[in-house]
């Protein structure tokens, strides 16, 4: 695995980069919140059928197994991430898990529908290019959210036009409540990312995962991820980002 963009940019020229340090801290805080919620709901370690076994890169695959290499890339800093960092820096306490419906939650601000990458986020994505060029993906799959699609098109710019870039709802953030997790309509996505294949996205222009006061359940997100892995396993590509 490669470092996350926030880790890769924490230092520049041997000196700490304050912007990236704040971003890395925010990522750690929110990761802990989400993991704690998954554990509290008993969703860690749940076995699903049919099983999809994930191995570390150096893990030994069972003999005769059909192995697919999957590279996971986290999106760069979006404007919602930056706003969340600023709220915390000024002492505002909020939860990122979707349970917080208060005005203290910056992710519910109406201005934050499908926020794009910040300048730092774009730099983070571009910093992955050296690693991206070392890979040989036959398919690039991205969430239709702007921050995710923007990250892969910047990181894998060399592959545009030679490798298909496909949007899939199965790899999206948890939906509902947070306006930052509500995607733009399809016309806007086509305008922003003309090389992104949207044929696997529901034809409706409305976001099917959006609800203003009800968060998609964690169990449903896990089911969605499992369904995506089964879909991916059935495809012919053997190396996928």
C-alpha atoms as a PDB file:
ATOM      1  CA  UNK A   1       0.000   0.000   0.000  1.00  0.00           C
ATOM      2  CA  UNK A   2       1.067   3.590  -0.549  1.00  0.00           C
ATOM      3  CA  UNK A   3       0.831   6.464   1.950  1.00  0.00           C
ATOM      4  CA  UNK A   4      -2.352   8.496   1.969  1.00  0.00           C
ATOM      5  CA  UNK A   5      -2.045  11.911   0.306  1.00  0.00           C
ATOM      6  CA  UNK A   6      -2.232  13.637   3.693  1.00  0.00           C
ATOM      7  CA  UNK A   7       0.735  11.590   4.921  1.00  0.00           C
ATOM      8  CA  UNK A   8       2.734  12.149   1.770  1.00  0.00           C
ATOM      9  CA  UNK A   9       2.427  15.911   2.022  1.00  0.00           C
ATOM     10  CA  UNK A  10       2.939  16.311   5.751  1.00  0.00           C
ATOM     11  CA  UNK A  11       6.516  17.393   5.036  1.00  0.00           C
ATOM     12  CA  UNK A  12       8.004  19.458   2.234  1.00  0.00           C
ATOM     13  CA  UNK A  13      11.683  20.299   1.940  1.00  0.00           C
ATOM     14  CA  UNK A  14      12.324  18.673   5.313  1.00  0.00           C
ATOM     15  CA  UNK A  15       9.986  21.046   7.163  1.00  0.00           C
ATOM     16  CA  UNK A  16       6.510  20.363   8.446  1.00  0.00           C
ATOM     17  CA  UNK A  17       3.669  21.559   6.224  1.00  0.00           C
ATOM     18  CA  UNK A  18       1.045  22.990   8.649  1.00  0.00           C
ATOM     19  CA  UNK A  19      -1.831  22.612   6.168  1.00  0.00           C
ATOM     20  CA  UNK A  20      -1.140  18.924   5.627  1.00  0.00           C
ATOM     21  CA  UNK A  21      -0.527  18.337   9.331  1.00  0.00           C
ATOM     22  CA  UNK A  22      -3.988  19.748  10.116  1.00  0.00           C
ATOM     23  CA  UNK A  23      -5.499  17.611   7.338  1.00  0.00           C
ATOM     24  CA  UNK A  24      -3.796  14.460   8.630  1.00  0.00           C
ATOM     25  CA  UNK A  25      -5.051  15.156  12.158  1.00  0.00           C
ATOM     26  CA  UNK A  26      -8.618  15.688  10.931  1.00  0.00           C
ATOM     27  CA  UNK A  27      -8.467  12.441   8.952  1.00  0.00           C
ATOM     28  CA  UNK A  28      -7.302  10.558  12.047  1.00  0.00           C
ATOM     29  CA  UNK A  29     -10.046  12.056  14.238  1.00  0.00           C
ATOM     30  CA  UNK A  30     -12.825  11.185  11.792  1.00  0.00           C
ATOM     31  CA  UNK A  31     -11.441   7.695  11.084  1.00  0.00           C
ATOM     32  CA  UNK A  32     -11.580   6.963  14.828  1.00  0.00           C
ATOM     33  CA  UNK A  33     -15.160   8.243  15.033  1.00  0.00           C
ATOM     34  CA  UNK A  34     -16.331   6.051  12.161  1.00  0.00           C
ATOM     35  CA  UNK A  35     -14.482   2.950  13.390  1.00  0.00           C
ATOM     36  CA  UNK A  36     -15.945   3.390  16.867  1.00  0.00           C
ATOM     37  CA  UNK A  37     -19.439   3.562  15.386  1.00  0.00           C
ATOM     38  CA  UNK A  38     -18.900   0.414  13.298  1.00  0.00           C
ATOM     39  CA  UNK A  39     -17.696  -1.449  16.375  1.00  0.00           C
ATOM     40  CA  UNK A  40     -20.596  -0.189  18.477  1.00  0.00           C
ATOM     41  CA  UNK A  41     -23.052  -1.464  15.844  1.00  0.00           C
ATOM     42  CA  UNK A  42     -21.347  -4.866  15.663  1.00  0.00           C
ATOM     43  CA  UNK A  43     -20.361  -4.484  12.011  1.00  0.00           C
ATOM     44  CA  UNK A  44     -16.628  -5.206  12.335  1.00  0.00           C
ATOM     45  CA  UNK A  45     -15.754  -8.793  11.416  1.00  0.00           C
ATOM     46  CA  UNK A  46     -19.189  -9.663   9.990  1.00  0.00           C
ATOM     47  CA  UNK A  47     -19.027 -12.487   7.422  1.00  0.00           C
ATOM     48  CA  UNK A  48     -21.079 -12.172   4.273  1.00  0.00           C
ATOM     49  CA  UNK A  49     -22.017 -14.675   1.606  1.00  0.00           C
ATOM     50  CA  UNK A  50     -20.709 -15.171  -0.974  1.00  0.00           C
ATOM     51  CA  UNK A  51     -17.379 -14.367   0.638  1.00  0.00           C
ATOM     52  CA  UNK A  52     -14.813 -12.053  -0.920  1.00  0.00           C
ATOM     53  CA  UNK A  53     -11.399 -12.579   0.661  1.00  0.00           C
ATOM     54  CA  UNK A  54      -9.103  -9.556   0.824  1.00  0.00           C
ATOM     55  CA  UNK A  55      -5.395 -10.239   1.168  1.00  0.00           C
ATOM     56  CA  UNK A  56      -2.490  -7.927   1.881  1.00  0.00           C
ATOM     57  CA  UNK A  57      -0.266  -7.281  -1.108  1.00  0.00           C
ATOM     58  CA  UNK A  58       2.244  -9.878   0.111  1.00  0.00           C
ATOM     59  CA  UNK A  59      -0.412 -12.316   1.281  1.00  0.00           C
ATOM     60  CA  UNK A  60      -0.484 -15.858  -0.070  1.00  0.00           C
ATOM     61  CA  UNK A  61      -3.572 -16.569  -2.180  1.00  0.00           C
ATOM     62  CA  UNK A  62      -5.194 -20.014  -1.989  1.00  0.00           C
ATOM     63  CA  UNK A  63      -4.004 -22.329  -4.739  1.00  0.00           C
ATOM     64  CA  UNK A  64      -6.115 -21.989  -7.874  1.00  0.00           C
ATOM     65  CA  UNK A  65      -7.763 -18.775  -6.658  1.00  0.00           C
ATOM     66  CA  UNK A  66      -8.745 -16.127  -9.168  1.00  0.00           C
ATOM     67  CA  UNK A  67      -6.865 -13.126  -7.792  1.00  0.00           C
ATOM     68  CA  UNK A  68      -7.678  -9.487  -8.568  1.00  0.00           C
ATOM     69  CA  UNK A  69      -5.282  -6.714  -7.567  1.00  0.00           C
ATOM     70  CA  UNK A  70      -7.179  -3.759  -6.121  1.00  0.00           C
ATOM     71  CA  UNK A  71      -5.455  -0.442  -5.351  1.00  0.00           C
ATOM     72  CA  UNK A  72      -7.368   1.810  -2.931  1.00  0.00           C
ATOM     73  CA  UNK A  73      -6.866   5.586  -3.148  1.00  0.00           C
ATOM     74  CA  UNK A  74      -8.292   8.072  -0.676  1.00  0.00           C
ATOM     75  CA  UNK A  75      -9.488  11.384  -2.114  1.00  0.00           C
ATOM     76  CA  UNK A  76      -7.512  14.550  -1.456  1.00  0.00           C
ATOM     77  CA  UNK A  77      -8.692  17.344   0.805  1.00  0.00           C
ATOM     78  CA  UNK A  78     -12.107  18.694  -0.185  1.00  0.00           C
ATOM     79  CA  UNK A  79     -13.489  22.072   0.838  1.00  0.00           C
ATOM     80  CA  UNK A  80     -15.705  20.341   3.411  1.00  0.00           C
ATOM     81  CA  UNK A  81     -12.587  18.808   5.011  1.00  0.00           C
ATOM     82  CA  UNK A  82     -10.995  22.245   5.181  1.00  0.00           C
ATOM     83  CA  UNK A  83     -14.112  23.742   6.764  1.00  0.00           C
ATOM     84  CA  UNK A  84     -14.240  20.907   9.311  1.00  0.00           C
ATOM     85  CA  UNK A  85     -10.602  21.544  10.202  1.00  0.00           C
ATOM     86  CA  UNK A  86     -11.330  25.248  10.719  1.00  0.00           C
ATOM     87  CA  UNK A  87     -14.341  24.483  12.938  1.00  0.00           C
ATOM     88  CA  UNK A  88     -12.206  22.208  15.123  1.00  0.00           C
ATOM     89  CA  UNK A  89      -9.342  24.697  15.199  1.00  0.00           C
ATOM     90  CA  UNK A  90     -11.753  27.258  16.648  1.00  0.00           C
ATOM     91  CA  UNK A  91     -12.998  24.850  19.304  1.00  0.00           C
ATOM     92  CA  UNK A  92     -16.248  23.687  17.685  1.00  0.00           C
ATOM     93  CA  UNK A  93     -16.959  20.059  18.580  1.00  0.00           C
ATOM     94  CA  UNK A  94     -18.992  17.964  16.124  1.00  0.00           C
ATOM     95  CA  UNK A  95     -19.353  14.372  14.971  1.00  0.00           C
ATOM     96  CA  UNK A  96     -18.565  13.307  11.418  1.00  0.00           C
ATOM     97  CA  UNK A  97     -20.624  10.089  11.561  1.00  0.00           C
ATOM     98  CA  UNK A  98     -23.973  11.617  10.530  1.00  0.00           C
ATOM     99  CA  UNK A  99     -25.600  11.540  13.986  1.00  0.00           C
ATOM    100  CA  UNK A 100     -24.967  15.235  14.583  1.00  0.00           C
ATOM    101  CA  UNK A 101     -27.875  17.302  13.209  1.00  0.00           C
ATOM    102  CA  UNK A 102     -26.840  20.474  15.020  1.00  0.00           C
ATOM    103  CA  UNK A 103     -25.799  23.787  13.521  1.00  0.00           C
ATOM    104  CA  UNK A 104     -22.288  23.040  14.808  1.00  0.00           C
ATOM    105  CA  UNK A 105     -21.833  20.413  12.095  1.00  0.00           C
ATOM    106  CA  UNK A 106     -20.120  22.087   9.106  1.00  0.00           C
ATOM    107  CA  UNK A 107     -20.858  19.135   6.829  1.00  0.00           C
ATOM    108  CA  UNK A 108     -24.555  20.085   6.875  1.00  0.00           C
ATOM    109  CA  UNK A 109     -24.023  23.565   5.460  1.00  0.00           C
ATOM    110  CA  UNK A 110     -26.156  24.024   2.305  1.00  0.00           C
ATOM    111  CA  UNK A 111     -23.225  25.585   0.417  1.00  0.00           C
ATOM    112  CA  UNK A 112     -21.278  22.303   0.574  1.00  0.00           C
ATOM    113  CA  UNK A 113     -23.130  20.138  -1.952  1.00  0.00           C
ATOM    114  CA  UNK A 114     -20.530  17.872  -3.597  1.00  0.00           C
ATOM    115  CA  UNK A 115     -17.507  20.046  -2.766  1.00  0.00           C
ATOM    116  CA  UNK A 116     -14.439  19.846  -5.037  1.00  0.00           C
ATOM    117  CA  UNK A 117     -10.797  19.532  -4.039  1.00  0.00           C
ATOM    118  CA  UNK A 118      -8.988  22.425  -2.404  1.00  0.00           C
ATOM    119  CA  UNK A 119      -5.611  23.560  -3.729  1.00  0.00           C
ATOM    120  CA  UNK A 120      -4.025  21.275  -1.120  1.00  0.00           C
ATOM    121  CA  UNK A 121      -6.261  18.414  -2.249  1.00  0.00           C
ATOM    122  CA  UNK A 122      -5.172  18.881  -5.853  1.00  0.00           C
ATOM    123  CA  UNK A 123      -1.522  18.892  -4.764  1.00  0.00           C
ATOM    124  CA  UNK A 124      -2.118  15.703  -2.772  1.00  0.00           C
ATOM    125  CA  UNK A 125      -3.655  14.005  -5.806  1.00  0.00           C
ATOM    126  CA  UNK A 126      -0.810  15.077  -8.093  1.00  0.00           C
ATOM    127  CA  UNK A 127       1.725  13.801  -5.578  1.00  0.00           C
ATOM    128  CA  UNK A 128       0.420  10.273  -6.266  1.00  0.00           C
ATOM    129  CA  UNK A 129       1.442  10.392  -9.928  1.00  0.00           C
ATOM    130  CA  UNK A 130       4.810   8.739  -9.356  1.00  0.00           C
ATOM    131  CA  UNK A 131       3.080   5.807  -7.650  1.00  0.00           C
ATOM    132  CA  UNK A 132       0.284   5.781 -10.224  1.00  0.00           C
ATOM    133  CA  UNK A 133       2.728   5.412 -13.106  1.00  0.00           C
ATOM    134  CA  UNK A 134       4.181   2.323 -11.445  1.00  0.00           C
ATOM    135  CA  UNK A 135       0.795   0.571 -11.639  1.00  0.00           C
ATOM    136  CA  UNK A 136      -0.848  -1.100 -14.624  1.00  0.00           C
ATOM    137  CA  UNK A 137      -4.593  -0.797 -14.012  1.00  0.00           C
ATOM    138  CA  UNK A 138      -7.032  -2.053 -16.610  1.00  0.00           C
ATOM    139  CA  UNK A 139      -9.872  -0.073 -15.012  1.00  0.00           C
ATOM    140  CA  UNK A 140     -10.182   2.983 -12.748  1.00  0.00           C
ATOM    141  CA  UNK A 141     -13.360   3.109 -10.653  1.00  0.00           C
ATOM    142  CA  UNK A 142     -14.330   6.264  -8.771  1.00  0.00           C
ATOM    143  CA  UNK A 143     -17.170   7.575  -6.700  1.00  0.00           C
ATOM    144  CA  UNK A 144     -19.217  10.114  -8.701  1.00  0.00           C
ATOM    145  CA  UNK A 145     -18.519  12.697  -5.986  1.00  0.00           C
ATOM    146  CA  UNK A 146     -16.336  15.559  -7.247  1.00  0.00           C
ATOM    147  CA  UNK A 147     -13.550  15.077  -4.713  1.00  0.00           C
ATOM    148  CA  UNK A 148     -13.118  11.410  -5.624  1.00  0.00           C
ATOM    149  CA  UNK A 149     -13.361  11.796  -9.399  1.00  0.00           C
ATOM    150  CA  UNK A 150     -11.081  14.835  -9.237  1.00  0.00           C
ATOM    151  CA  UNK A 151      -8.468  12.856  -7.328  1.00  0.00           C
ATOM    152  CA  UNK A 152      -8.239   9.950  -9.772  1.00  0.00           C
ATOM    153  CA  UNK A 153      -8.186  12.171 -12.858  1.00  0.00           C
ATOM    154  CA  UNK A 154      -5.291  14.162 -11.396  1.00  0.00           C
ATOM    155  CA  UNK A 155      -3.397  11.167 -10.023  1.00  0.00           C
ATOM    156  CA  UNK A 156      -3.866   8.996 -13.127  1.00  0.00           C
ATOM    157  CA  UNK A 157      -3.784  11.771 -15.718  1.00  0.00           C
ATOM    158  CA  UNK A 158      -1.382   9.716 -17.849  1.00  0.00           C
ATOM    159  CA  UNK A 159      -4.004   6.952 -18.216  1.00  0.00           C
ATOM    160  CA  UNK A 160      -6.921   9.108 -19.417  1.00  0.00           C
ATOM    161  CA  UNK A 161      -7.898   7.966 -22.889  1.00  0.00           C
ATOM    162  CA  UNK A 162      -6.148   4.605 -22.587  1.00  0.00           C
ATOM    163  CA  UNK A 163      -7.826   3.127 -19.494  1.00  0.00           C
ATOM    164  CA  UNK A 164     -11.582   3.377 -18.813  1.00  0.00           C
ATOM    165  CA  UNK A 165     -12.590   5.628 -15.899  1.00  0.00           C
ATOM    166  CA  UNK A 166     -15.931   4.472 -14.509  1.00  0.00           C
ATOM    167  CA  UNK A 167     -18.177   5.956 -11.802  1.00  0.00           C
ATOM    168  CA  UNK A 168     -19.896   3.589  -9.371  1.00  0.00           C
ATOM    169  CA  UNK A 169     -22.222   4.374  -6.454  1.00  0.00           C
ATOM    170  CA  UNK A 170     -20.836   1.351  -4.575  1.00  0.00           C
ATOM    171  CA  UNK A 171     -17.666   3.207  -3.605  1.00  0.00           C
ATOM    172  CA  UNK A 172     -19.378   6.388  -2.435  1.00  0.00           C
ATOM    173  CA  UNK A 173     -19.354   7.934   1.017  1.00  0.00           C
ATOM    174  CA  UNK A 174     -22.232   7.171   3.358  1.00  0.00           C
ATOM    175  CA  UNK A 175     -25.222   9.132   2.081  1.00  0.00           C
ATOM    176  CA  UNK A 176     -27.743  11.452   3.704  1.00  0.00           C
ATOM    177  CA  UNK A 177     -27.706  14.299   6.271  1.00  0.00           C
ATOM    178  CA  UNK A 178     -24.292  15.687   5.232  1.00  0.00           C
ATOM    179  CA  UNK A 179     -24.717  17.929   2.198  1.00  0.00           C
ATOM    180  CA  UNK A 180     -21.028  17.389   1.426  1.00  0.00           C
ATOM    181  CA  UNK A 181     -21.937  13.759   0.622  1.00  0.00           C
ATOM    182  CA  UNK A 182     -24.749  14.698  -1.755  1.00  0.00           C
ATOM    183  CA  UNK A 183     -23.592  14.420  -5.357  1.00  0.00           C
ATOM    184  CA  UNK A 184     -24.221  16.869  -8.151  1.00  0.00           C
ATOM    185  CA  UNK A 185     -26.763  15.983 -10.809  1.00  0.00           C
ATOM    186  CA  UNK A 186     -25.570  13.986 -13.799  1.00  0.00           C
ATOM    187  CA  UNK A 187     -25.404  16.939 -16.183  1.00  0.00           C
ATOM    188  CA  UNK A 188     -22.976  18.717 -13.863  1.00  0.00           C
ATOM    189  CA  UNK A 189     -20.861  15.596 -13.439  1.00  0.00           C
ATOM    190  CA  UNK A 190     -20.655  15.140 -17.224  1.00  0.00           C
ATOM    191  CA  UNK A 191     -19.642  18.774 -17.583  1.00  0.00           C
ATOM    192  CA  UNK A 192     -16.927  18.516 -14.929  1.00  0.00           C
ATOM    193  CA  UNK A 193     -15.624  15.057 -15.894  1.00  0.00           C
ATOM    194  CA  UNK A 194     -16.344  14.356 -19.580  1.00  0.00           C
ATOM    195  CA  UNK A 195     -14.098  11.247 -19.586  1.00  0.00           C
ATOM    196  CA  UNK A 196     -15.951   9.604 -16.686  1.00  0.00           C
ATOM    197  CA  UNK A 197     -18.243   6.735 -17.729  1.00  0.00           C
ATOM    198  CA  UNK A 198     -21.582   7.253 -15.941  1.00  0.00           C
ATOM    199  CA  UNK A 199     -23.360   4.254 -17.456  1.00  0.00           C
ATOM    200  CA  UNK A 200     -23.475   2.483 -14.076  1.00  0.00           C
ATOM    201  CA  UNK A 201     -25.063   5.461 -12.307  1.00  0.00           C
ATOM    202  CA  UNK A 202     -28.842   5.513 -11.860  1.00  0.00           C
ATOM    203  CA  UNK A 203     -30.410   7.487 -14.702  1.00  0.00           C
ATOM    204  CA  UNK A 204     -32.304   9.771 -12.314  1.00  0.00           C
ATOM    205  CA  UNK A 205     -30.692  13.187 -11.957  1.00  0.00           C
ATOM    206  CA  UNK A 206     -31.538  13.164  -8.247  1.00  0.00           C
ATOM    207  CA  UNK A 207     -29.113  11.590  -5.797  1.00  0.00           C
ATOM    208  CA  UNK A 208     -30.623   8.219  -4.721  1.00  0.00           C
ATOM    209  CA  UNK A 209     -28.590   8.183  -1.487  1.00  0.00           C
ATOM    210  CA  UNK A 210     -29.660  11.651  -0.320  1.00  0.00           C
ATOM    211  CA  UNK A 211     -32.047  12.402   2.539  1.00  0.00           C
ATOM    212  CA  UNK A 212     -31.865  15.652   4.483  1.00  0.00           C
ATOM    213  CA  UNK A 213     -32.477  14.216   7.988  1.00  0.00           C
ATOM    214  CA  UNK A 214     -31.835  10.472   7.629  1.00  0.00           C
ATOM    215  CA  UNK A 215     -28.356   9.024   7.260  1.00  0.00           C
ATOM    216  CA  UNK A 216     -27.786   5.857   5.253  1.00  0.00           C
ATOM    217  CA  UNK A 217     -27.234   3.135   7.837  1.00  0.00           C
ATOM    218  CA  UNK A 218     -23.750   1.758   8.383  1.00  0.00           C
ATOM    219  CA  UNK A 219     -25.119  -1.735   7.713  1.00  0.00           C
ATOM    220  CA  UNK A 220     -26.383  -0.593   4.306  1.00  0.00           C
ATOM    221  CA  UNK A 221     -22.991   0.926   3.481  1.00  0.00           C
ATOM    222  CA  UNK A 222     -21.362  -2.432   4.293  1.00  0.00           C
ATOM    223  CA  UNK A 223     -23.890  -4.208   2.070  1.00  0.00           C
ATOM    224  CA  UNK A 224     -23.210  -1.719  -0.709  1.00  0.00           C
ATOM    225  CA  UNK A 225     -19.460  -2.319  -0.438  1.00  0.00           C
ATOM    226  CA  UNK A 226     -19.980  -6.086  -0.569  1.00  0.00           C
ATOM    227  CA  UNK A 227     -22.212  -5.755  -3.623  1.00  0.00           C
ATOM    228  CA  UNK A 228     -19.518  -3.650  -5.286  1.00  0.00           C
ATOM    229  CA  UNK A 229     -16.819  -6.255  -4.607  1.00  0.00           C
ATOM    230  CA  UNK A 230     -19.017  -8.980  -6.114  1.00  0.00           C
ATOM    231  CA  UNK A 231     -19.623  -6.771  -9.173  1.00  0.00           C
ATOM    232  CA  UNK A 232     -15.892  -6.130  -9.458  1.00  0.00           C
ATOM    233  CA  UNK A 233     -15.001  -9.795  -9.072  1.00  0.00           C
ATOM    234  CA  UNK A 234     -17.293 -10.686 -11.978  1.00  0.00           C
ATOM    235  CA  UNK A 235     -15.537  -8.251 -14.333  1.00  0.00           C
ATOM    236  CA  UNK A 236     -12.682  -9.346 -16.624  1.00  0.00           C
ATOM    237  CA  UNK A 237     -10.100  -6.822 -15.380  1.00  0.00           C
ATOM    238  CA  UNK A 238      -7.462  -8.225 -13.020  1.00  0.00           C
ATOM    239  CA  UNK A 239      -5.882  -4.960 -11.851  1.00  0.00           C
ATOM    240  CA  UNK A 240      -8.176  -2.146 -10.780  1.00  0.00           C
ATOM    241  CA  UNK A 241      -7.852   1.210  -9.024  1.00  0.00           C
END
